[in-house]
């Protein structure tokens, strides 16, 4: 990302002193030696007011943003809904007949977005995606863990594989091409990819694990629930150091971006498109995508309402720090974080959006969570008084 795209922060209503406080917090764990690198970007009014990189990286470096990819894939699907080419009440099997096995015929499109579809741990090897027989075979073999719609349990990748398939069925395009042609290119983003081209691999920071994990005894002593074991293992994380995995464009967790790319993507959502560019999402489409549809569904780990919209999380009430936001965010803020501490959100109340990326995957989830809240709190108040 060329530095010329960063404007004077005061010209877009950002406070330089508050931005510097945010920078100090982002820089701290790199200087302490915990994180190999980190990148932060803050945008408002469609432009960047801050973009800084620290450690073993530079402003051209991209990162795997993991589940922050869900917002990009979802926003592409919103276009089909807005055009009347997809309805959230449709049954998945009416679009993807191969899904009609093992009781899954009742799963709806909306449940895929809300992580209430009942197959959170359904296995799928990313390299199988481009083999149609292999991926359809996976869909057919998947079984339900519980009745669709009855509860929430985070689906790290499974439901988004199905949404990618739905995009392909309804458009006749590779989902990666659809995202690129209908979202990324119209926004003018050169630092955001779902499906990384081979020629971009040299820009990607290699993932490493840092810090020490917590034991079961540590969780008990701290009075904190121990996270469940999921498909997001250390081994799975490191597969994204391999070019063939990066190229797949895992729709729920394999996008690549700079922090600036993330921050500007969310500006695009806030404003319906890029500055002086075509409208991509109308105000009505954005409102539809951000409507909280999860009702009383709660996170099984923390017992708080999940506040899920169509593929993104909405900040909501005082429990917003459990949803990946800072306490200083407004209830309207929305976004989606990613494994290892990637942060991406926009706040309609202030017009601010941010991206934060690191290649250091902290094994300590409590420290990682505190970092996310601290960074989001400082970013949320960067508007000039």
Protein backbone atom coordinates (compact mmCIF):
# COMPACT_ATOMS: atom_id res chain seq x y z
CA UNK A 1 0.00 0.00 0.00
CA UNK A 2 1.53 3.26 -1.12
CA UNK A 3 1.85 5.78 1.74
CA UNK A 4 0.36 8.47 -0.51
CA UNK A 5 -3.06 6.96 0.17
CA UNK A 6 -2.83 7.99 3.84
CA UNK A 7 -4.23 11.49 4.32
CA UNK A 8 -3.83 13.98 7.13
CA UNK A 9 -5.97 12.38 9.87
CA UNK A 10 -7.43 15.71 10.94
CA UNK A 11 -8.83 16.18 7.42
CA UNK A 12 -11.13 13.19 7.97
CA UNK A 13 -12.00 13.98 11.58
CA UNK A 14 -9.44 11.80 13.39
CA UNK A 15 -7.45 12.96 16.40
CA UNK A 16 -3.65 12.53 15.90
CA UNK A 17 -2.98 12.23 19.64
CA UNK A 18 -5.56 9.47 20.07
CA UNK A 19 -4.13 7.70 17.03
CA UNK A 20 -0.69 7.85 18.60
CA UNK A 21 -2.04 6.22 21.77
CA UNK A 22 -3.45 3.44 19.60
CA UNK A 23 -0.10 3.06 17.82
CA UNK A 24 1.73 2.75 21.13
CA UNK A 25 -0.55 -0.11 22.17
CA UNK A 26 -0.14 -1.93 18.85
CA UNK A 27 3.64 -1.46 18.88
CA UNK A 28 4.11 -2.61 22.48
CA UNK A 29 3.98 -6.38 22.05
CA UNK A 30 6.21 -6.22 18.99
CA UNK A 31 8.82 -4.24 20.93
CA UNK A 32 8.53 -6.67 23.85
CA UNK A 33 9.36 -9.53 21.48
CA UNK A 34 6.05 -11.41 21.74
CA UNK A 35 4.76 -10.67 18.24
CA UNK A 36 7.06 -10.82 15.18
CA UNK A 37 5.06 -8.11 13.43
CA UNK A 38 1.81 -6.18 13.56
CA UNK A 39 -0.02 -3.79 11.29
CA UNK A 40 -2.74 -1.24 12.10
CA UNK A 41 -4.95 0.92 9.90
CA UNK A 42 -7.73 3.37 10.74
CA UNK A 43 -10.03 4.88 8.13
CA UNK A 44 -12.87 7.37 8.02
CA UNK A 45 -14.80 9.10 5.24
CA UNK A 46 -13.53 6.48 2.81
CA UNK A 47 -9.84 7.24 3.37
CA UNK A 48 -6.99 6.08 5.56
CA UNK A 49 -5.86 8.34 8.38
CA UNK A 50 -3.39 5.83 9.83
CA UNK A 51 -1.44 2.92 8.40
CA UNK A 52 1.62 1.65 10.28
CA UNK A 53 3.58 -1.60 10.35
CA UNK A 54 5.90 -2.78 13.09
CA UNK A 55 8.45 -5.57 13.38
CA UNK A 56 9.56 -7.94 10.65
CA UNK A 57 7.22 -6.58 7.94
CA UNK A 58 6.48 -3.44 5.96
CA UNK A 59 3.41 -1.66 4.62
CA UNK A 60 3.36 -3.95 1.58
CA UNK A 61 3.10 -7.06 3.78
CA UNK A 62 -0.15 -9.00 3.76
CA UNK A 63 -1.44 -11.38 6.41
CA UNK A 64 -3.81 -14.30 6.51
CA UNK A 65 -6.87 -12.74 8.16
CA UNK A 66 -8.61 -16.05 8.89
CA UNK A 67 -12.26 -15.60 9.94
CA UNK A 68 -12.25 -11.92 9.05
CA UNK A 69 -12.74 -13.40 5.57
CA UNK A 70 -16.32 -14.31 6.57
CA UNK A 71 -17.40 -10.68 6.27
CA UNK A 72 -16.04 -10.44 2.72
CA UNK A 73 -17.72 -13.66 1.56
CA UNK A 74 -20.96 -12.67 3.29
CA UNK A 75 -21.00 -9.18 1.79
CA UNK A 76 -20.70 -10.78 -1.65
CA UNK A 77 -23.70 -12.99 -0.89
CA UNK A 78 -25.67 -9.92 0.23
CA UNK A 79 -25.55 -8.75 -3.38
CA UNK A 80 -27.43 -11.86 -4.51
CA UNK A 81 -30.03 -11.35 -1.80
CA UNK A 82 -30.47 -7.70 -2.78
CA UNK A 83 -30.92 -8.71 -6.43
CA UNK A 84 -33.59 -11.27 -5.56
CA UNK A 85 -31.34 -14.14 -6.67
CA UNK A 86 -31.16 -15.64 -3.17
CA UNK A 87 -33.48 -15.67 -0.17
CA UNK A 88 -32.35 -16.43 3.37
CA UNK A 89 -35.45 -18.56 4.00
CA UNK A 90 -34.56 -20.95 1.17
CA UNK A 91 -33.53 -24.47 2.05
CA UNK A 92 -29.95 -25.24 1.13
CA UNK A 93 -30.99 -28.50 -0.56
CA UNK A 94 -33.10 -26.57 -3.05
CA UNK A 95 -29.91 -24.91 -4.26
CA UNK A 96 -27.33 -27.65 -3.58
CA UNK A 97 -29.08 -31.03 -4.00
CA UNK A 98 -25.94 -32.88 -2.84
CA UNK A 99 -26.64 -31.49 0.63
CA UNK A 100 -29.86 -33.51 0.95
CA UNK A 101 -28.58 -36.27 3.26
CA UNK A 102 -28.52 -37.22 6.93
CA UNK A 103 -31.34 -34.89 7.99
CA UNK A 104 -29.78 -31.74 6.52
CA UNK A 105 -32.76 -31.08 4.26
CA UNK A 106 -34.17 -28.62 6.82
CA UNK A 107 -31.10 -26.35 6.95
CA UNK A 108 -31.79 -22.83 5.64
CA UNK A 109 -29.50 -20.25 4.10
CA UNK A 110 -30.01 -17.96 7.09
CA UNK A 111 -28.85 -20.67 9.48
CA UNK A 112 -25.59 -20.95 7.57
CA UNK A 113 -24.85 -17.28 8.23
CA UNK A 114 -25.91 -17.50 11.89
CA UNK A 115 -23.84 -20.58 12.85
CA UNK A 116 -27.04 -22.32 13.86
CA UNK A 117 -27.08 -24.89 11.06
CA UNK A 118 -26.00 -27.80 13.23
CA UNK A 119 -22.71 -29.02 11.72
CA UNK A 120 -19.99 -26.89 13.36
CA UNK A 121 -17.20 -29.43 13.02
CA UNK A 122 -18.08 -30.98 9.65
CA UNK A 123 -14.73 -31.81 8.02
CA UNK A 124 -13.56 -30.34 4.76
CA UNK A 125 -10.01 -30.37 3.39
CA UNK A 126 -9.37 -27.04 1.63
CA UNK A 127 -7.45 -28.65 -1.22
CA UNK A 128 -10.59 -30.65 -2.09
CA UNK A 129 -12.53 -27.54 -3.10
CA UNK A 130 -11.47 -27.55 -6.75
CA UNK A 131 -12.42 -31.24 -7.10
CA UNK A 132 -16.20 -31.07 -7.55
CA UNK A 133 -16.74 -34.75 -6.77
CA UNK A 134 -14.70 -34.47 -3.57
CA UNK A 135 -16.53 -31.42 -2.29
CA UNK A 136 -19.99 -32.75 -3.14
CA UNK A 137 -19.01 -35.98 -1.41
CA UNK A 138 -18.12 -34.01 1.69
CA UNK A 139 -21.46 -32.21 1.70
CA UNK A 140 -23.26 -35.55 1.36
CA UNK A 141 -21.35 -37.21 4.22
CA UNK A 142 -21.79 -34.40 6.72
CA UNK A 143 -24.04 -35.18 9.69
CA UNK A 144 -25.84 -32.92 12.13
CA UNK A 145 -24.63 -32.50 15.70
CA UNK A 146 -27.96 -30.98 16.75
CA UNK A 147 -31.24 -29.77 15.27
CA UNK A 148 -30.70 -26.80 12.93
CA UNK A 149 -31.87 -23.53 14.42
CA UNK A 150 -31.96 -24.86 17.96
CA UNK A 151 -28.67 -23.42 19.17
CA UNK A 152 -25.55 -21.48 18.27
CA UNK A 153 -22.14 -23.04 17.92
CA UNK A 154 -19.44 -21.34 15.92
CA UNK A 155 -18.77 -23.04 12.57
CA UNK A 156 -15.12 -22.15 11.84
CA UNK A 157 -15.32 -23.05 8.15
CA UNK A 158 -18.10 -25.54 7.33
CA UNK A 159 -21.08 -23.23 6.79
CA UNK A 160 -19.08 -20.81 4.66
CA UNK A 161 -18.04 -23.61 2.31
CA UNK A 162 -21.76 -24.06 1.63
CA UNK A 163 -22.30 -20.32 1.13
CA UNK A 164 -19.45 -20.32 -1.40
CA UNK A 165 -21.17 -23.20 -3.21
CA UNK A 166 -24.45 -21.27 -3.19
CA UNK A 167 -22.73 -18.25 -4.74
CA UNK A 168 -21.42 -20.48 -7.51
CA UNK A 169 -24.80 -22.14 -8.14
CA UNK A 170 -26.66 -18.84 -8.34
CA UNK A 171 -24.08 -16.92 -10.41
CA UNK A 172 -22.41 -19.59 -12.56
CA UNK A 173 -19.08 -18.08 -11.46
CA UNK A 174 -16.25 -19.32 -9.30
CA UNK A 175 -16.99 -17.73 -5.92
CA UNK A 176 -13.48 -16.26 -5.83
CA UNK A 177 -14.02 -14.57 -9.18
CA UNK A 178 -17.41 -13.25 -8.04
CA UNK A 179 -15.89 -11.74 -4.88
CA UNK A 180 -13.05 -10.20 -6.84
CA UNK A 181 -15.15 -8.82 -9.70
CA UNK A 182 -18.19 -7.64 -7.71
CA UNK A 183 -16.62 -6.53 -4.42
CA UNK A 184 -12.84 -6.17 -4.32
CA UNK A 185 -12.19 -4.58 -7.73
CA UNK A 186 -15.11 -2.09 -7.55
CA UNK A 187 -13.73 -0.98 -4.17
CA UNK A 188 -10.33 -0.42 -5.76
CA UNK A 189 -8.62 -2.70 -3.27
CA UNK A 190 -5.24 -4.09 -4.28
CA UNK A 191 -4.43 -5.51 -0.84
CA UNK A 192 -7.33 -7.90 -0.24
CA UNK A 193 -7.65 -11.38 -1.73
CA UNK A 194 -9.91 -14.38 -1.36
CA UNK A 195 -7.85 -16.85 -3.36
CA UNK A 196 -4.27 -15.57 -3.38
CA UNK A 197 -2.60 -15.38 -6.82
CA UNK A 198 0.79 -17.09 -7.00
CA UNK A 199 2.50 -13.81 -7.76
CA UNK A 200 1.40 -12.32 -4.43
CA UNK A 201 2.93 -14.97 -2.16
CA UNK A 202 6.12 -12.99 -1.64
CA UNK A 203 4.10 -10.32 0.18
CA UNK A 204 2.62 -12.63 2.83
CA UNK A 205 4.06 -12.77 6.35
CA UNK A 206 4.78 -16.30 7.56
CA UNK A 207 2.61 -17.46 10.45
CA UNK A 208 4.22 -18.51 13.72
CA UNK A 209 2.86 -19.48 17.14
CA UNK A 210 4.00 -17.41 20.10
CA UNK A 211 3.68 -17.49 23.87
CA UNK A 212 2.63 -20.32 26.14
CA UNK A 213 -0.87 -21.77 26.27
CA UNK A 214 -2.98 -22.12 29.39
CA UNK A 215 -3.49 -25.47 31.08
CA UNK A 216 -6.79 -26.81 32.39
CA UNK A 217 -5.52 -25.94 35.86
CA UNK A 218 -4.87 -22.35 34.75
CA UNK A 219 -8.44 -21.98 33.50
CA UNK A 220 -9.83 -23.44 36.72
CA UNK A 221 -7.68 -21.14 38.87
CA UNK A 222 -8.76 -18.09 36.87
CA UNK A 223 -12.42 -19.11 36.92
CA UNK A 224 -12.58 -18.90 33.12
CA UNK A 225 -14.24 -21.57 30.94
CA UNK A 226 -11.78 -23.63 28.92
CA UNK A 227 -12.31 -23.24 25.14
CA UNK A 228 -13.41 -26.38 23.31
CA UNK A 229 -11.12 -28.15 20.89
CA UNK A 230 -12.05 -27.25 17.29
CA UNK A 231 -10.59 -27.66 13.82
CA UNK A 232 -8.55 -24.47 14.40
CA UNK A 233 -5.42 -26.29 15.55
CA UNK A 234 -1.84 -25.08 15.45
CA UNK A 235 -1.18 -27.43 12.55
CA UNK A 236 -4.21 -26.13 10.64
CA UNK A 237 -3.11 -22.53 11.14
CA UNK A 238 0.34 -23.21 9.71
CA UNK A 239 -1.04 -24.76 6.51
CA UNK A 240 -1.68 -21.18 5.37
CA UNK A 241 2.06 -20.76 5.02
CA UNK A 242 1.72 -23.00 1.96
CA UNK A 243 0.91 -21.37 -1.41
CA UNK A 244 -1.53 -24.10 -2.46
CA UNK A 245 -3.68 -23.45 0.63
CA UNK A 246 -3.53 -19.69 0.14
CA UNK A 247 -4.76 -20.11 -3.43
CA UNK A 248 -7.93 -21.93 -2.35
CA UNK A 249 -9.46 -18.83 -0.78
CA UNK A 250 -11.12 -20.65 2.13
CA UNK A 251 -14.37 -18.62 2.27
CA UNK A 252 -14.68 -18.74 6.04
CA UNK A 253 -11.05 -18.28 6.98
CA UNK A 254 -8.44 -18.05 4.23
CA UNK A 255 -8.39 -14.50 2.90
CA UNK A 256 -5.26 -12.34 2.77
CA UNK A 257 -5.03 -8.62 3.31
CA UNK A 258 -3.15 -5.73 4.73
CA UNK A 259 -4.69 -3.92 7.68
CA UNK A 260 -5.37 -1.07 5.25
CA UNK A 261 -7.24 -3.41 2.92
CA UNK A 262 -9.49 -4.49 5.78
CA UNK A 263 -10.14 -0.94 7.01
CA UNK A 264 -11.03 0.24 3.49
CA UNK A 265 -13.26 -2.77 2.83
CA UNK A 266 -15.33 -1.72 5.85
CA UNK A 267 -15.39 1.87 4.62
CA UNK A 268 -16.85 0.46 1.43
CA UNK A 269 -19.61 -1.20 3.44
CA UNK A 270 -20.34 1.97 5.40
CA UNK A 271 -20.56 4.12 2.25
CA UNK A 272 -21.98 1.60 -0.21
CA UNK A 273 -18.78 1.56 -2.25
CA UNK A 274 -15.49 3.37 -2.75
CA UNK A 275 -15.19 7.14 -2.90
CA UNK A 276 -16.26 8.29 -6.38
CA UNK A 277 -16.92 4.65 -7.30
CA UNK A 278 -20.09 2.79 -8.23
CA UNK A 279 -22.63 1.86 -5.59
CA UNK A 280 -22.14 -1.75 -4.56
CA UNK A 281 -24.42 -2.02 -1.53
CA UNK A 282 -27.44 0.22 -1.12
CA UNK A 283 -28.40 1.49 2.32
CA UNK A 284 -31.22 -1.04 2.27
CA UNK A 285 -28.80 -3.88 1.46
CA UNK A 286 -26.49 -2.89 4.29
CA UNK A 287 -29.40 -2.70 6.72
CA UNK A 288 -30.53 -6.15 5.61
CA UNK A 289 -27.06 -7.60 6.06
CA UNK A 290 -26.65 -6.05 9.52
CA UNK A 291 -30.04 -7.03 10.91
CA UNK A 292 -29.47 -9.10 14.05
CA UNK A 293 -31.28 -12.39 13.44
CA UNK A 294 -29.91 -14.65 16.17
CA UNK A 295 -32.53 -13.72 18.78
CA UNK A 296 -31.84 -15.34 22.14
CA UNK A 297 -29.13 -17.70 20.86
CA UNK A 298 -26.12 -17.59 23.18
CA UNK A 299 -22.47 -18.50 22.96
CA UNK A 300 -22.11 -21.86 24.76
CA UNK A 301 -18.76 -20.82 26.25
CA UNK A 302 -19.74 -17.49 27.80
CA UNK A 303 -23.53 -17.65 27.94
CA UNK A 304 -23.95 -14.25 26.24
CA UNK A 305 -26.18 -13.46 23.28
CA UNK A 306 -24.20 -13.78 20.09
CA UNK A 307 -25.81 -10.86 18.20
CA UNK A 308 -25.26 -12.38 14.79
CA UNK A 309 -26.34 -10.81 11.52
CA UNK A 310 -25.75 -12.27 8.05
CA UNK A 311 -22.15 -13.41 8.44
CA UNK A 312 -21.02 -10.61 10.74
CA UNK A 313 -21.30 -9.80 14.43
CA UNK A 314 -23.03 -6.66 15.70
CA UNK A 315 -21.59 -5.04 18.83
CA UNK A 316 -24.88 -4.61 20.69
CA UNK A 317 -25.16 -4.35 24.45
CA UNK A 318 -22.66 -4.14 27.31
CA UNK A 319 -21.43 -7.67 26.56
CA UNK A 320 -19.83 -6.44 23.33
CA UNK A 321 -16.31 -7.24 24.55
CA UNK A 322 -17.29 -10.94 24.41
CA UNK A 323 -18.13 -10.40 20.74
CA UNK A 324 -14.76 -9.02 19.68
CA UNK A 325 -15.40 -5.30 20.19
CA UNK A 326 -14.22 -2.70 22.68
CA UNK A 327 -16.43 -1.27 25.37
CA UNK A 328 -15.96 2.10 23.68
CA UNK A 329 -17.54 0.88 20.44
CA UNK A 330 -21.13 1.89 19.88
CA UNK A 331 -23.91 -0.74 19.88
CA UNK A 332 -24.03 -0.35 16.07
CA UNK A 333 -20.44 -1.44 15.38
CA UNK A 334 -20.14 -4.55 13.22
CA UNK A 335 -17.42 -6.79 11.88
CA UNK A 336 -15.64 -10.10 12.28
CA UNK A 337 -12.32 -10.96 13.87
CA UNK A 338 -9.96 -13.74 12.90
CA UNK A 339 -7.84 -16.42 14.54
CA UNK A 340 -4.68 -15.19 16.16
CA UNK A 341 -6.14 -11.78 16.96
CA UNK A 342 -6.98 -10.23 13.59
CA UNK A 343 -9.39 -7.31 14.08
CA UNK A 344 -11.74 -5.78 11.52
CA UNK A 345 -14.80 -3.64 12.19
CA UNK A 346 -16.66 -0.48 11.32
CA UNK A 347 -18.70 1.72 13.62
CA UNK A 348 -21.55 3.61 11.92
CA UNK A 349 -21.85 5.92 14.94
CA UNK A 350 -18.40 7.41 14.32
CA UNK A 351 -17.68 6.42 10.73
CA UNK A 352 -14.43 4.79 11.87
CA UNK A 353 -13.21 1.44 10.58
CA UNK A 354 -10.06 -0.44 11.51
CA UNK A 355 -7.92 -3.34 10.47
CA UNK A 356 -5.31 -4.99 12.70
CA UNK A 357 -3.17 -7.91 11.59
CA UNK A 358 -0.37 -9.96 13.08
CA UNK A 359 1.46 -13.11 12.07
CA UNK A 360 2.11 -14.05 15.70
CA UNK A 361 -0.61 -16.45 16.89
CA UNK A 362 -0.69 -16.10 20.64
CA UNK A 363 -1.27 -19.39 22.46
CA UNK A 364 -2.72 -17.49 25.43
CA UNK A 365 -6.37 -16.74 24.56
CA UNK A 366 -6.86 -14.42 27.53
CA UNK A 367 -3.97 -12.19 26.55
CA UNK A 368 -5.15 -12.29 22.95
CA UNK A 369 -8.67 -11.26 23.99
CA UNK A 370 -7.41 -8.41 26.17
CA UNK A 371 -5.27 -7.17 23.30
CA UNK A 372 -8.28 -7.09 20.99
CA UNK A 373 -10.41 -5.14 23.46
CA UNK A 374 -7.57 -2.70 24.20
CA UNK A 375 -6.91 -1.99 20.52
CA UNK A 376 -10.62 -1.67 19.71
CA UNK A 377 -11.21 0.66 22.67
CA UNK A 378 -8.44 2.99 21.55
CA UNK A 379 -9.51 2.92 17.90
CA UNK A 380 -13.17 3.54 18.75
CA UNK A 381 -12.42 6.93 20.31
CA UNK A 382 -10.03 8.22 17.62
CA UNK A 383 -12.60 10.63 16.27
CA UNK A 384 -11.86 14.30 16.86
CA UNK A 385 -14.06 15.85 19.54
